[in-house]
Amino acid sequence: MSLIAVETAAQQAPVAAALVRLLTARPDLPAASFEIGRMYCEPEPGPRIEIRLHDSLGHFEAWREALNFDPGAVRLWDHGGTISLSIETRWNGVPIELTGYAKPL
């Protein structure tokens, strides 16, 4: 597996366009933090979109359902005071990492 660095914004443009399409198609989704990566590993086709939700795991679930991601593929992480749910998959061919954070009850 080789690590590849994106050199120009033009190489990130297709991923940014996919994010805009997603936000336009689903303006009802909870607000999130977004990052378009600069590094990626082969065999991925290019950089990915990272979507992070910090308000509630319910917001994570809303995004997961909207993206039609398999609930069985969600991973639970315990960070000692914070838990997170995450899933890495593709939406319309674009790699996406969806992560939600919350304090345990």
N, C-alpha and C. Protein backbone atom coordinates (compact mmCIF):
# COMPACT_ATOMS: atom_id res chain seq x y z
N MET A 1 0.83 -1.17 0.00
CA MET A 1 0.00 0.00 0.00
C MET A 1 0.88 1.24 0.00
N SER A 2 0.70 2.11 -0.95
CA SER A 2 1.49 3.34 -1.05
C SER A 2 0.68 4.53 -0.56
N LEU A 3 1.34 5.43 0.16
CA LEU A 3 0.73 6.67 0.60
C LEU A 3 0.94 7.71 -0.49
N ILE A 4 -0.16 8.34 -0.88
CA ILE A 4 -0.11 9.32 -1.97
C ILE A 4 -0.54 10.68 -1.44
N ALA A 5 0.19 11.72 -1.81
CA ALA A 5 -0.15 13.08 -1.42
C ALA A 5 -0.79 13.79 -2.60
N VAL A 6 -1.92 14.41 -2.36
CA VAL A 6 -2.56 15.25 -3.36
C VAL A 6 -1.75 16.54 -3.46
N GLU A 7 -1.42 16.96 -4.67
CA GLU A 7 -0.56 18.12 -4.86
C GLU A 7 -1.31 19.41 -5.16
N THR A 8 -2.52 19.31 -5.72
CA THR A 8 -3.24 20.52 -6.12
C THR A 8 -4.69 20.46 -5.64
N ALA A 9 -5.28 21.62 -5.50
CA ALA A 9 -6.70 21.69 -5.13
C ALA A 9 -7.57 21.05 -6.22
N ALA A 10 -7.10 21.09 -7.45
CA ALA A 10 -7.87 20.47 -8.54
C ALA A 10 -8.07 18.98 -8.30
N GLN A 11 -7.11 18.34 -7.66
CA GLN A 11 -7.24 16.92 -7.36
C GLN A 11 -8.27 16.66 -6.25
N GLN A 12 -8.53 17.67 -5.44
CA GLN A 12 -9.54 17.55 -4.39
C GLN A 12 -10.92 17.98 -4.86
N ALA A 13 -10.99 18.65 -5.99
CA ALA A 13 -12.26 19.21 -6.47
C ALA A 13 -13.36 18.17 -6.64
N PRO A 14 -13.10 16.98 -7.20
CA PRO A 14 -14.19 16.01 -7.33
C PRO A 14 -14.78 15.58 -5.99
N VAL A 15 -13.94 15.50 -4.97
CA VAL A 15 -14.40 15.13 -3.63
C VAL A 15 -15.22 16.28 -3.05
N ALA A 16 -14.75 17.50 -3.23
CA ALA A 16 -15.49 18.68 -2.76
C ALA A 16 -16.85 18.76 -3.46
N ALA A 17 -16.87 18.47 -4.74
CA ALA A 17 -18.14 18.50 -5.49
C ALA A 17 -19.10 17.44 -4.97
N ALA A 18 -18.59 16.28 -4.60
CA ALA A 18 -19.45 15.23 -4.03
C ALA A 18 -20.03 15.69 -2.70
N LEU A 19 -19.24 16.37 -1.89
CA LEU A 19 -19.73 16.89 -0.62
C LEU A 19 -20.83 17.92 -0.85
N VAL A 20 -20.64 18.81 -1.80
CA VAL A 20 -21.66 19.81 -2.13
C VAL A 20 -22.94 19.12 -2.60
N ARG A 21 -22.82 18.08 -3.44
CA ARG A 21 -24.01 17.34 -3.89
C ARG A 21 -24.74 16.72 -2.71
N LEU A 22 -23.99 16.14 -1.79
CA LEU A 22 -24.59 15.53 -0.61
C LEU A 22 -25.33 16.56 0.23
N LEU A 23 -24.69 17.69 0.51
CA LEU A 23 -25.31 18.72 1.34
C LEU A 23 -26.52 19.34 0.65
N THR A 24 -26.47 19.45 -0.65
CA THR A 24 -27.60 19.99 -1.40
C THR A 24 -28.77 19.02 -1.41
N ALA A 25 -28.47 17.73 -1.54
CA ALA A 25 -29.51 16.71 -1.57
C ALA A 25 -30.14 16.49 -0.20
N ARG A 26 -29.37 16.71 0.88
CA ARG A 26 -29.86 16.43 2.25
C ARG A 26 -29.60 17.61 3.18
N PRO A 27 -30.23 18.77 2.90
CA PRO A 27 -30.01 19.94 3.77
C PRO A 27 -30.62 19.77 5.16
N ASP A 28 -31.41 18.73 5.36
CA ASP A 28 -32.04 18.48 6.65
C ASP A 28 -31.12 17.81 7.66
N LEU A 29 -29.98 17.32 7.22
CA LEU A 29 -29.07 16.61 8.12
C LEU A 29 -28.48 17.58 9.15
N PRO A 30 -28.15 17.06 10.34
CA PRO A 30 -27.52 17.92 11.35
C PRO A 30 -26.18 18.48 10.86
N ALA A 31 -25.86 19.67 11.33
CA ALA A 31 -24.58 20.29 10.98
C ALA A 31 -23.43 19.41 11.46
N ALA A 32 -22.35 19.42 10.69
CA ALA A 32 -21.19 18.59 10.99
C ALA A 32 -19.92 19.35 10.65
N SER A 33 -18.79 18.79 11.04
CA SER A 33 -17.48 19.30 10.63
C SER A 33 -17.02 18.43 9.47
N PHE A 34 -16.41 19.06 8.46
CA PHE A 34 -15.98 18.35 7.26
C PHE A 34 -14.51 18.61 6.99
N GLU A 35 -13.86 17.59 6.47
CA GLU A 35 -12.48 17.74 6.01
C GLU A 35 -12.30 16.92 4.75
N ILE A 36 -11.66 17.52 3.77
CA ILE A 36 -11.28 16.80 2.56
C ILE A 36 -9.80 16.51 2.69
N GLY A 37 -9.49 15.23 2.73
CA GLY A 37 -8.12 14.82 2.98
C GLY A 37 -7.16 15.19 1.87
N ARG A 38 -5.89 15.21 2.23
CA ARG A 38 -4.82 15.47 1.28
C ARG A 38 -4.00 14.22 1.02
N MET A 39 -4.03 13.29 1.95
CA MET A 39 -3.27 12.05 1.83
C MET A 39 -4.25 10.89 1.68
N TYR A 40 -3.85 9.90 0.90
CA TYR A 40 -4.66 8.69 0.81
C TYR A 40 -3.76 7.53 0.43
N CYS A 41 -4.26 6.33 0.69
CA CYS A 41 -3.52 5.11 0.40
C CYS A 41 -4.14 4.40 -0.80
N GLU A 42 -3.29 3.90 -1.67
CA GLU A 42 -3.81 3.04 -2.74
C GLU A 42 -4.41 1.81 -2.07
N PRO A 43 -5.44 1.23 -2.53
CA PRO A 43 -6.07 1.41 -3.83
C PRO A 43 -7.21 2.42 -3.85
N GLU A 44 -7.35 3.28 -2.81
CA GLU A 44 -8.39 4.29 -2.83
C GLU A 44 -8.23 5.16 -4.08
N PRO A 45 -9.36 5.64 -4.64
CA PRO A 45 -9.27 6.43 -5.87
C PRO A 45 -8.80 7.86 -5.66
N GLY A 46 -8.75 8.30 -4.42
CA GLY A 46 -8.35 9.67 -4.15
C GLY A 46 -8.67 10.02 -2.72
N PRO A 47 -8.59 11.32 -2.39
CA PRO A 47 -8.82 11.73 -1.01
C PRO A 47 -10.25 11.44 -0.56
N ARG A 48 -10.43 11.41 0.74
CA ARG A 48 -11.75 11.10 1.28
C ARG A 48 -12.33 12.31 1.99
N ILE A 49 -13.63 12.20 2.24
CA ILE A 49 -14.35 13.19 3.04
C ILE A 49 -14.42 12.64 4.46
N GLU A 50 -14.02 13.45 5.42
CA GLU A 50 -14.19 13.09 6.81
C GLU A 50 -15.32 13.93 7.38
N ILE A 51 -16.33 13.27 7.92
CA ILE A 51 -17.48 13.93 8.50
C ILE A 51 -17.46 13.63 9.99
N ARG A 52 -17.46 14.69 10.81
CA ARG A 52 -17.40 14.51 12.26
C ARG A 52 -18.58 15.21 12.93
N LEU A 53 -19.21 14.47 13.85
CA LEU A 53 -20.36 14.98 14.59
C LEU A 53 -20.04 14.94 16.08
N HIS A 54 -20.18 16.08 16.74
CA HIS A 54 -19.78 16.19 18.14
C HIS A 54 -20.95 16.40 19.10
N ASP A 55 -22.15 16.56 18.58
CA ASP A 55 -23.28 16.92 19.44
C ASP A 55 -24.03 15.73 20.02
N SER A 56 -24.20 14.69 19.22
CA SER A 56 -24.97 13.54 19.70
C SER A 56 -24.76 12.36 18.77
N LEU A 57 -24.85 11.17 19.35
CA LEU A 57 -24.76 9.98 18.51
C LEU A 57 -26.01 9.84 17.65
N GLY A 58 -27.09 10.49 18.04
CA GLY A 58 -28.28 10.54 17.18
C GLY A 58 -27.99 11.25 15.86
N HIS A 59 -27.15 12.26 15.92
CA HIS A 59 -26.75 12.96 14.69
C HIS A 59 -25.91 12.03 13.81
N PHE A 60 -25.02 11.26 14.44
CA PHE A 60 -24.25 10.26 13.69
C PHE A 60 -25.21 9.30 12.99
N GLU A 61 -26.21 8.82 13.71
CA GLU A 61 -27.15 7.86 13.14
C GLU A 61 -27.94 8.47 11.98
N ALA A 62 -28.32 9.73 12.10
CA ALA A 62 -29.03 10.40 11.00
C ALA A 62 -28.18 10.42 9.73
N TRP A 63 -26.90 10.74 9.88
CA TRP A 63 -25.99 10.74 8.74
C TRP A 63 -25.78 9.33 8.20
N ARG A 64 -25.60 8.36 9.10
CA ARG A 64 -25.38 6.98 8.66
C ARG A 64 -26.56 6.49 7.84
N GLU A 65 -27.77 6.76 8.32
CA GLU A 65 -28.96 6.35 7.58
C GLU A 65 -29.07 7.07 6.24
N ALA A 66 -28.80 8.37 6.23
CA ALA A 66 -28.90 9.15 4.99
C ALA A 66 -27.92 8.64 3.93
N LEU A 67 -26.74 8.20 4.38
CA LEU A 67 -25.74 7.70 3.45
C LEU A 67 -25.94 6.22 3.14
N ASN A 68 -26.91 5.61 3.80
CA ASN A 68 -27.23 4.19 3.59
C ASN A 68 -26.04 3.29 3.92
N PHE A 69 -25.33 3.65 4.99
CA PHE A 69 -24.19 2.85 5.44
C PHE A 69 -24.69 1.72 6.31
N ASP A 70 -24.10 0.56 6.19
CA ASP A 70 -24.46 -0.64 6.91
C ASP A 70 -24.25 -0.45 8.42
N PRO A 71 -25.32 -0.57 9.23
CA PRO A 71 -25.13 -0.40 10.67
C PRO A 71 -24.21 -1.46 11.27
N GLY A 72 -24.12 -2.61 10.66
CA GLY A 72 -23.24 -3.67 11.16
C GLY A 72 -21.76 -3.36 10.98
N ALA A 73 -21.44 -2.37 10.16
CA ALA A 73 -20.04 -2.01 9.91
C ALA A 73 -19.55 -0.89 10.84
N VAL A 74 -20.44 -0.37 11.69
CA VAL A 74 -20.07 0.71 12.61
C VAL A 74 -19.20 0.14 13.73
N ARG A 75 -18.12 0.86 14.03
CA ARG A 75 -17.21 0.47 15.11
C ARG A 75 -17.40 1.40 16.30
N LEU A 76 -17.33 0.83 17.49
CA LEU A 76 -17.43 1.59 18.73
C LEU A 76 -16.03 1.70 19.33
N TRP A 77 -15.66 2.92 19.74
CA TRP A 77 -14.35 3.17 20.35
C TRP A 77 -14.58 3.82 21.70
N ASP A 78 -13.81 3.41 22.70
CA ASP A 78 -13.85 4.01 24.02
C ASP A 78 -12.54 4.76 24.23
N HIS A 79 -12.65 6.08 24.39
CA HIS A 79 -11.47 6.93 24.53
C HIS A 79 -11.26 7.34 25.99
N GLY A 80 -11.88 6.63 26.92
CA GLY A 80 -11.72 6.96 28.34
C GLY A 80 -12.32 8.32 28.67
N GLY A 81 -13.59 8.43 28.69
CA GLY A 81 -14.27 9.70 28.96
C GLY A 81 -15.09 10.17 27.77
N THR A 82 -14.78 9.66 26.62
CA THR A 82 -15.53 9.94 25.40
C THR A 82 -15.64 8.64 24.62
N ILE A 83 -16.78 8.43 24.01
CA ILE A 83 -16.91 7.29 23.11
C ILE A 83 -17.14 7.82 21.71
N SER A 84 -16.83 7.00 20.73
CA SER A 84 -17.11 7.40 19.35
C SER A 84 -17.61 6.20 18.56
N LEU A 85 -18.40 6.51 17.57
CA LEU A 85 -18.84 5.54 16.58
C LEU A 85 -18.22 5.97 15.27
N SER A 86 -17.74 5.02 14.48
CA SER A 86 -17.16 5.40 13.19
C SER A 86 -17.42 4.31 12.16
N ILE A 87 -17.43 4.75 10.93
CA ILE A 87 -17.58 3.85 9.80
C ILE A 87 -16.83 4.46 8.62
N GLU A 88 -16.15 3.62 7.88
CA GLU A 88 -15.46 4.04 6.66
C GLU A 88 -16.03 3.24 5.51
N THR A 89 -16.52 3.94 4.51
CA THR A 89 -17.07 3.28 3.34
C THR A 89 -17.12 4.30 2.20
N ARG A 90 -17.90 4.03 1.19
CA ARG A 90 -18.00 4.94 0.04
C ARG A 90 -19.44 5.38 -0.16
N TRP A 91 -19.56 6.59 -0.65
CA TRP A 91 -20.85 7.12 -1.05
C TRP A 91 -20.66 7.66 -2.47
N ASN A 92 -21.40 7.12 -3.41
CA ASN A 92 -21.26 7.52 -4.83
C ASN A 92 -19.80 7.46 -5.29
N GLY A 93 -19.09 6.44 -4.83
CA GLY A 93 -17.71 6.22 -5.25
C GLY A 93 -16.66 7.00 -4.48
N VAL A 94 -17.09 7.89 -3.59
CA VAL A 94 -16.15 8.71 -2.83
C VAL A 94 -15.93 8.09 -1.45
N PRO A 95 -14.68 7.87 -1.05
CA PRO A 95 -14.42 7.36 0.30
C PRO A 95 -14.88 8.36 1.36
N ILE A 96 -15.59 7.85 2.36
CA ILE A 96 -16.08 8.71 3.45
C ILE A 96 -15.78 8.02 4.77
N GLU A 97 -15.32 8.82 5.72
CA GLU A 97 -15.20 8.37 7.11
C GLU A 97 -16.17 9.21 7.92
N LEU A 98 -17.13 8.56 8.54
CA LEU A 98 -18.15 9.21 9.36
C LEU A 98 -17.86 8.87 10.82
N THR A 99 -17.74 9.89 11.66
CA THR A 99 -17.43 9.68 13.08
C THR A 99 -18.33 10.55 13.94
N GLY A 100 -18.89 9.93 14.98
CA GLY A 100 -19.69 10.66 15.96
C GLY A 100 -19.10 10.48 17.34
N TYR A 101 -19.08 11.55 18.14
CA TYR A 101 -18.49 11.54 19.48
C TYR A 101 -19.56 11.86 20.51
N ALA A 102 -19.41 11.27 21.71
CA ALA A 102 -20.33 11.56 22.81
C ALA A 102 -19.68 11.18 24.13
N LYS A 103 -20.18 11.78 25.19
CA LYS A 103 -19.78 11.38 26.55
C LYS A 103 -20.65 10.19 26.94
N PRO A 104 -20.07 9.18 27.58
CA PRO A 104 -20.89 8.04 28.01
C PRO A 104 -21.89 8.48 29.09
N LEU A 105 -23.00 7.79 29.15
CA LEU A 105 -24.02 8.11 30.16
C LEU A 105 -23.61 7.60 31.51
